[in-house]
Amino acid sequence: MITHFPCFVTEASFFLASCSAMIICRMMVYLIAWKKGVNSFSLVLVGIGVAFLLSAMTTFMLVFIPAYSSGFSYIWVTGTVCGTSWTYVWNLLPWTFVIMVIALDLSIYYIGHEITGSNG
């Protein structure tokens, strides 16, 4: 869809689409792992499975996209800083601080005694 309507694609639409996809994937992992509650082992296994599914979907889309847009798509998927500017950094800076504040509350001890014991 991006290759057919490039005039509708902006940085904000990419950001909103990626955040929406992230929320949907997180909910999908949590709902699939739910079985009378969620334990860390099933959550990790379901997360790995969903990651493989999404990776397969990305590969499928890259194989079947039109030839004129495949170069741009590969660069977008692999990531590059070529042609970027400081506006991208300033757009991501507030979100970086939000994620850092949320990460301060996370701890390895929340995933269970068995796993933390094997980590030393």
Protein backbone atom coordinates (compact mmCIF):
# COMPACT_ATOMS: atom_id res chain seq x y z
CA MET A 1 0.00 0.00 0.00
CA ILE A 2 2.88 2.35 0.72
CA THR A 3 4.26 1.90 -2.76
CA HIS A 4 0.91 2.61 -4.39
CA PHE A 5 0.07 5.77 -2.42
CA PRO A 6 3.37 7.43 -1.46
CA CYS A 7 1.77 10.86 -1.17
CA PHE A 8 -0.21 9.74 1.90
CA VAL A 9 2.82 8.43 3.78
CA THR A 10 4.42 10.76 6.30
CA GLU A 11 6.73 10.28 9.27
CA ALA A 12 3.78 10.62 11.60
CA SER A 13 1.80 7.94 9.79
CA PHE A 14 4.76 5.54 9.98
CA PHE A 15 5.08 6.25 13.69
CA LEU A 16 1.36 5.76 14.37
CA ALA A 17 1.26 2.59 12.28
CA SER A 18 4.26 1.09 14.06
CA CYS A 19 2.91 1.97 17.52
CA SER A 20 -0.48 0.50 16.62
CA ALA A 21 1.13 -2.68 15.32
CA MET A 22 3.22 -2.94 18.49
CA ILE A 23 0.15 -2.67 20.70
CA ILE A 24 -1.74 -5.24 18.62
CA CYS A 25 1.20 -7.68 18.73
CA ARG A 26 1.61 -7.28 22.48
CA MET A 27 -2.09 -7.96 23.02
CA MET A 28 -1.92 -10.95 20.67
CA VAL A 29 1.03 -12.46 22.57
CA TYR A 30 -0.65 -11.92 25.92
CA LEU A 31 -4.00 -13.36 24.80
CA ILE A 32 -2.43 -16.43 23.19
CA ALA A 33 -0.31 -17.08 26.30
CA TRP A 34 -3.33 -16.73 28.60
CA LYS A 35 -4.43 -20.04 30.09
CA LYS A 36 -5.91 -19.47 33.55
CA GLY A 37 -3.28 -16.81 34.03
CA VAL A 38 0.02 -16.05 32.40
CA ASN A 39 3.33 -17.51 33.47
CA SER A 40 6.67 -16.31 32.20
CA PHE A 41 7.57 -19.51 30.33
CA SER A 42 4.46 -19.54 28.15
CA LEU A 43 4.75 -15.80 27.57
CA VAL A 44 8.32 -16.20 26.28
CA LEU A 45 7.45 -19.16 24.06
CA VAL A 46 4.42 -17.43 22.55
CA GLY A 47 6.48 -14.28 22.03
CA ILE A 48 9.10 -16.25 20.12
CA GLY A 49 6.40 -17.86 18.00
CA VAL A 50 4.75 -14.55 17.17
CA ALA A 51 8.16 -13.06 16.32
CA PHE A 52 8.78 -15.90 13.86
CA LEU A 53 5.32 -15.40 12.35
CA LEU A 54 5.88 -11.67 11.87
CA SER A 55 9.34 -12.31 10.41
CA ALA A 56 7.81 -14.74 7.90
CA MET A 57 5.18 -12.16 6.96
CA THR A 58 7.87 -9.53 6.40
CA THR A 59 9.86 -11.91 4.19
CA PHE A 60 6.72 -12.79 2.24
CA MET A 61 5.96 -9.12 1.61
CA LEU A 62 9.54 -8.38 0.54
CA VAL A 63 9.52 -11.25 -1.93
CA PHE A 64 6.21 -10.29 -3.55
CA ILE A 65 6.48 -6.49 -3.71
CA PRO A 66 6.97 -4.77 -7.06
CA ALA A 67 10.54 -4.63 -8.32
CA TYR A 68 10.69 -0.83 -8.38
CA SER A 69 10.15 -0.57 -4.63
CA SER A 70 12.15 -3.55 -3.41
CA GLY A 71 15.36 -1.54 -2.92
CA PHE A 72 13.64 1.02 -0.72
CA SER A 73 11.88 -1.71 1.23
CA TYR A 74 15.10 -3.60 1.97
CA ILE A 75 16.77 -0.42 3.19
CA TRP A 76 13.75 0.37 5.36
CA VAL A 77 13.67 -3.12 6.91
CA THR A 78 17.40 -3.33 7.59
CA GLY A 79 17.63 0.26 8.82
CA THR A 80 20.01 2.97 7.75
CA VAL A 81 21.00 6.47 8.76
CA CYS A 82 21.69 7.55 5.19
CA GLY A 83 19.60 10.59 4.30
CA THR A 84 18.32 11.16 7.83
CA SER A 85 18.49 14.37 9.79
CA TRP A 86 18.35 15.58 13.37
CA THR A 87 14.56 15.89 13.17
CA TYR A 88 14.34 12.12 13.57
CA VAL A 89 16.43 12.31 16.72
CA TRP A 90 14.32 15.12 18.18
CA ASN A 91 11.13 13.19 17.37
CA LEU A 92 12.39 10.08 19.17
CA LEU A 93 14.01 11.79 22.15
CA PRO A 94 10.85 12.20 24.30
CA TRP A 95 9.87 8.57 23.67
CA THR A 96 13.35 7.45 24.67
CA PHE A 97 12.94 9.12 28.05
CA VAL A 98 9.46 7.60 28.51
CA ILE A 99 10.80 4.12 27.77
CA MET A 100 13.74 4.65 30.12
CA VAL A 101 11.41 5.64 32.96
CA ILE A 102 9.25 2.57 32.34
CA ALA A 103 12.35 0.35 32.16
CA LEU A 104 13.50 1.51 35.59
CA ASP A 105 10.51 -0.29 37.08
CA LEU A 106 11.32 -3.58 35.32
CA SER A 107 13.39 -6.18 37.07
CA ILE A 108 14.60 -9.68 36.29
CA TYR A 109 13.11 -10.81 39.59
CA TYR A 110 9.58 -10.47 38.22
CA ILE A 111 9.98 -13.44 35.88
CA GLY A 112 10.23 -16.09 38.57
CA HIS A 113 12.62 -17.70 41.01
CA GLU A 114 13.66 -20.57 38.72
CA ILE A 115 14.81 -18.36 35.87
CA THR A 116 16.52 -15.80 38.06
CA GLY A 117 18.35 -18.56 39.90
CA SER A 118 19.77 -19.88 36.62
CA ASN A 119 21.03 -16.39 35.74
CA GLY A 120 23.26 -16.26 38.79
